[in-house]
Amino acid sequence: LSPVCLGSLRRAATYKAKGAIVTTRAIYGKLLQDFPHKQEFWWDAANFEKKFGSFEDLCNILDRGTTYCPEAESLWLMHAKEVWMKGQVNRARSILEKVLSLIRTVRKFGLLP
């Protein structure tokens, strides 16, 4: 990771430890805007929202994360699990069907083994 990324991640961790939720959320927002294809940033932001945000905030991060990083299995699975845990079984099923469809499409065009 670049020094800019590392600095931002350190700042996010520092502000999170101080309980500065709004500031931490803003730092993650800027990181995700500048580096939308870094799945580890989406994972960190999702875990942050899981702990400090609302269910809707978490789902928004996971929706966006899987859009920018469709290969991020962990994000898809986290999304399906969190939705399922809220009792939204059909929505969880829809998320899993979407990723399975994506995998089939990618394989069809020879982009996956």
C-alpha atoms as a PDB file:
ATOM      1  CA  LEU A   1       0.000   0.000   0.000  1.00  0.00           C
ATOM      2  CA  SER A   2       1.088   3.519  -0.680  1.00  0.00           C
ATOM      3  CA  PRO A   3       2.144   5.842   2.149  1.00  0.00           C
ATOM      4  CA  VAL A   4      -1.063   7.827   1.592  1.00  0.00           C
ATOM      5  CA  CYS A   5      -3.199   4.710   2.071  1.00  0.00           C
ATOM      6  CA  LEU A   6      -1.269   3.612   5.128  1.00  0.00           C
ATOM      7  CA  GLY A   7      -1.509   7.075   6.648  1.00  0.00           C
ATOM      8  CA  SER A   8      -5.252   7.160   6.082  1.00  0.00           C
ATOM      9  CA  LEU A   9      -5.700   3.697   7.583  1.00  0.00           C
ATOM     10  CA  ARG A  10      -3.664   4.712  10.631  1.00  0.00           C
ATOM     11  CA  ARG A  11      -5.732   7.881  11.043  1.00  0.00           C
ATOM     12  CA  ALA A  12      -8.951   5.861  10.757  1.00  0.00           C
ATOM     13  CA  ALA A  13      -7.722   3.454  13.447  1.00  0.00           C
ATOM     14  CA  THR A  14      -6.680   6.345  15.709  1.00  0.00           C
ATOM     15  CA  TYR A  15      -9.989   8.174  15.387  1.00  0.00           C
ATOM     16  CA  LYS A  16     -11.945   4.944  15.799  1.00  0.00           C
ATOM     17  CA  ALA A  17     -10.045   4.220  19.030  1.00  0.00           C
ATOM     18  CA  LYS A  18     -10.954   7.723  20.269  1.00  0.00           C
ATOM     19  CA  GLY A  19     -14.614   7.089  19.480  1.00  0.00           C
ATOM     20  CA  ALA A  20     -14.703   9.694  16.703  1.00  0.00           C
ATOM     21  CA  ILE A  21     -17.188   7.779  14.588  1.00  0.00           C
ATOM     22  CA  VAL A  22     -18.096  10.561  12.152  1.00  0.00           C
ATOM     23  CA  THR A  23     -14.442  11.362  11.452  1.00  0.00           C
ATOM     24  CA  THR A  24     -13.565   7.701  10.991  1.00  0.00           C
ATOM     25  CA  ARG A  25     -16.510   7.242   8.625  1.00  0.00           C
ATOM     26  CA  ALA A  26     -15.331  10.265   6.598  1.00  0.00           C
ATOM     27  CA  ILE A  27     -11.810   8.830   6.323  1.00  0.00           C
ATOM     28  CA  TYR A  28     -13.183   5.502   5.084  1.00  0.00           C
ATOM     29  CA  GLY A  29     -15.431   7.369   2.663  1.00  0.00           C
ATOM     30  CA  LYS A  30     -12.454   9.197   1.170  1.00  0.00           C
ATOM     31  CA  LEU A  31     -10.390   5.994   0.968  1.00  0.00           C
ATOM     32  CA  LEU A  32     -13.215   4.183  -0.820  1.00  0.00           C
ATOM     33  CA  GLN A  33     -13.714   7.097  -3.190  1.00  0.00           C
ATOM     34  CA  ASP A  34     -10.010   7.267  -4.064  1.00  0.00           C
ATOM     35  CA  PHE A  35      -9.345   3.499  -4.087  1.00  0.00           C
ATOM     36  CA  PRO A  36     -12.657   1.809  -4.986  1.00  0.00           C
ATOM     37  CA  HIS A  37     -11.062  -1.449  -6.147  1.00  0.00           C
ATOM     38  CA  LYS A  38      -9.214  -2.194  -2.886  1.00  0.00           C
ATOM     39  CA  GLN A  39     -11.331  -4.910  -1.338  1.00  0.00           C
ATOM     40  CA  GLU A  40      -9.506  -4.724   1.994  1.00  0.00           C
ATOM     41  CA  PHE A  41     -10.731  -1.123   2.385  1.00  0.00           C
ATOM     42  CA  TRP A  42     -14.320  -2.253   1.777  1.00  0.00           C
ATOM     43  CA  TRP A  43     -13.826  -5.068   4.296  1.00  0.00           C
ATOM     44  CA  ASP A  44     -12.506  -2.641   6.917  1.00  0.00           C
ATOM     45  CA  ALA A  45     -15.305  -0.149   6.239  1.00  0.00           C
ATOM     46  CA  ALA A  46     -17.927  -2.904   6.426  1.00  0.00           C
ATOM     47  CA  ASN A  47     -16.595  -4.121   9.760  1.00  0.00           C
ATOM     48  CA  PHE A  48     -16.578  -0.538  11.004  1.00  0.00           C
ATOM     49  CA  GLU A  49     -20.228  -0.069   9.979  1.00  0.00           C
ATOM     50  CA  LYS A  50     -21.135  -3.427  11.490  1.00  0.00           C
ATOM     51  CA  LYS A  51     -19.811  -2.238  14.840  1.00  0.00           C
ATOM     52  CA  PHE A  52     -20.720   1.460  14.792  1.00  0.00           C
ATOM     53  CA  GLY A  53     -23.270   2.040  12.039  1.00  0.00           C
ATOM     54  CA  SER A  54     -26.757   0.941  11.186  1.00  0.00           C
ATOM     55  CA  PHE A  55     -27.774  -2.164   9.300  1.00  0.00           C
ATOM     56  CA  GLU A  56     -28.591   0.091   6.328  1.00  0.00           C
ATOM     57  CA  ASP A  57     -25.108   1.664   6.471  1.00  0.00           C
ATOM     58  CA  LEU A  58     -23.545  -1.799   6.488  1.00  0.00           C
ATOM     59  CA  CYS A  59     -25.656  -3.002   3.558  1.00  0.00           C
ATOM     60  CA  ASN A  60     -24.835   0.153   1.600  1.00  0.00           C
ATOM     61  CA  ILE A  61     -21.096  -0.413   2.063  1.00  0.00           C
ATOM     62  CA  LEU A  62     -21.425  -4.086   1.090  1.00  0.00           C
ATOM     63  CA  ASP A  63     -23.570  -3.281  -1.970  1.00  0.00           C
ATOM     64  CA  ARG A  64     -21.016  -0.756  -3.168  1.00  0.00           C
ATOM     65  CA  GLY A  65     -18.085  -2.991  -2.255  1.00  0.00           C
ATOM     66  CA  THR A  66     -19.396  -5.913  -4.286  1.00  0.00           C
ATOM     67  CA  THR A  67     -20.049  -3.573  -7.202  1.00  0.00           C
ATOM     68  CA  TYR A  68     -16.462  -2.314  -7.241  1.00  0.00           C
ATOM     69  CA  CYS A  69     -14.900  -5.635  -6.202  1.00  0.00           C
ATOM     70  CA  PRO A  70     -17.156  -8.365  -7.610  1.00  0.00           C
ATOM     71  CA  GLU A  71     -14.421 -10.955  -7.011  1.00  0.00           C
ATOM     72  CA  ALA A  72     -14.447 -10.265  -3.235  1.00  0.00           C
ATOM     73  CA  GLU A  73     -16.082 -13.444  -1.947  1.00  0.00           C
ATOM     74  CA  SER A  74     -15.755 -12.284   1.650  1.00  0.00           C
ATOM     75  CA  LEU A  75     -17.876  -9.195   0.947  1.00  0.00           C
ATOM     76  CA  TRP A  76     -20.606 -11.204  -0.790  1.00  0.00           C
ATOM     77  CA  LEU A  77     -20.704 -13.751   2.012  1.00  0.00           C
ATOM     78  CA  MET A  78     -20.684 -11.104   4.736  1.00  0.00           C
ATOM     79  CA  HIS A  79     -23.559  -9.339   2.993  1.00  0.00           C
ATOM     80  CA  ALA A  80     -25.636 -12.502   2.657  1.00  0.00           C
ATOM     81  CA  LYS A  81     -24.937 -13.522   6.269  1.00  0.00           C
ATOM     82  CA  GLU A  82     -25.793 -10.118   7.750  1.00  0.00           C
ATOM     83  CA  VAL A  83     -29.040  -9.949   5.789  1.00  0.00           C
ATOM     84  CA  TRP A  84     -29.910 -13.528   6.751  1.00  0.00           C
ATOM     85  CA  MET A  85     -29.165 -12.775  10.425  1.00  0.00           C
ATOM     86  CA  LYS A  86     -31.747  -9.976  10.221  1.00  0.00           C
ATOM     87  CA  GLY A  87     -34.303 -12.547   9.092  1.00  0.00           C
ATOM     88  CA  GLN A  88     -34.324 -11.407   5.466  1.00  0.00           C
ATOM     89  CA  VAL A  89     -33.910 -14.859   4.000  1.00  0.00           C
ATOM     90  CA  ASN A  90     -35.170 -14.035   0.500  1.00  0.00           C
ATOM     91  CA  ARG A  91     -32.850 -11.038   0.281  1.00  0.00           C
ATOM     92  CA  ALA A  92     -29.901 -13.184   1.416  1.00  0.00           C
ATOM     93  CA  ARG A  93     -30.826 -15.777  -1.193  1.00  0.00           C
ATOM     94  CA  SER A  94     -30.971 -13.046  -3.840  1.00  0.00           C
ATOM     95  CA  ILE A  95     -27.454 -11.869  -2.927  1.00  0.00           C
ATOM     96  CA  LEU A  96     -26.093 -15.414  -3.230  1.00  0.00           C
ATOM     97  CA  GLU A  97     -27.922 -15.974  -6.528  1.00  0.00           C
ATOM     98  CA  LYS A  98     -26.417 -12.755  -7.861  1.00  0.00           C
ATOM     99  CA  VAL A  99     -22.865 -13.832  -7.053  1.00  0.00           C
ATOM    100  CA  LEU A 100     -23.458 -17.318  -8.472  1.00  0.00           C
ATOM    101  CA  SER A 101     -24.778 -15.783 -11.676  1.00  0.00           C
ATOM    102  CA  LEU A 102     -21.717 -13.554 -11.856  1.00  0.00           C
ATOM    103  CA  ILE A 103     -19.421 -16.567 -11.408  1.00  0.00           C
ATOM    104  CA  ARG A 104     -21.231 -18.487 -14.166  1.00  0.00           C
ATOM    105  CA  THR A 105     -20.931 -15.516 -16.524  1.00  0.00           C
ATOM    106  CA  VAL A 106     -17.233 -15.090 -15.810  1.00  0.00           C
ATOM    107  CA  ARG A 107     -16.597 -18.806 -16.351  1.00  0.00           C
ATOM    108  CA  LYS A 108     -18.614 -18.765 -19.567  1.00  0.00           C
ATOM    109  CA  PHE A 109     -16.210 -16.223 -21.010  1.00  0.00           C
ATOM    110  CA  GLY A 110     -13.173 -18.132 -19.775  1.00  0.00           C
ATOM    111  CA  LEU A 111     -12.135 -15.603 -17.172  1.00  0.00           C
ATOM    112  CA  LEU A 112     -12.166 -18.196 -14.367  1.00  0.00           C
ATOM    113  CA  PRO A 113     -11.068 -21.818 -14.381  1.00  0.00           C
END
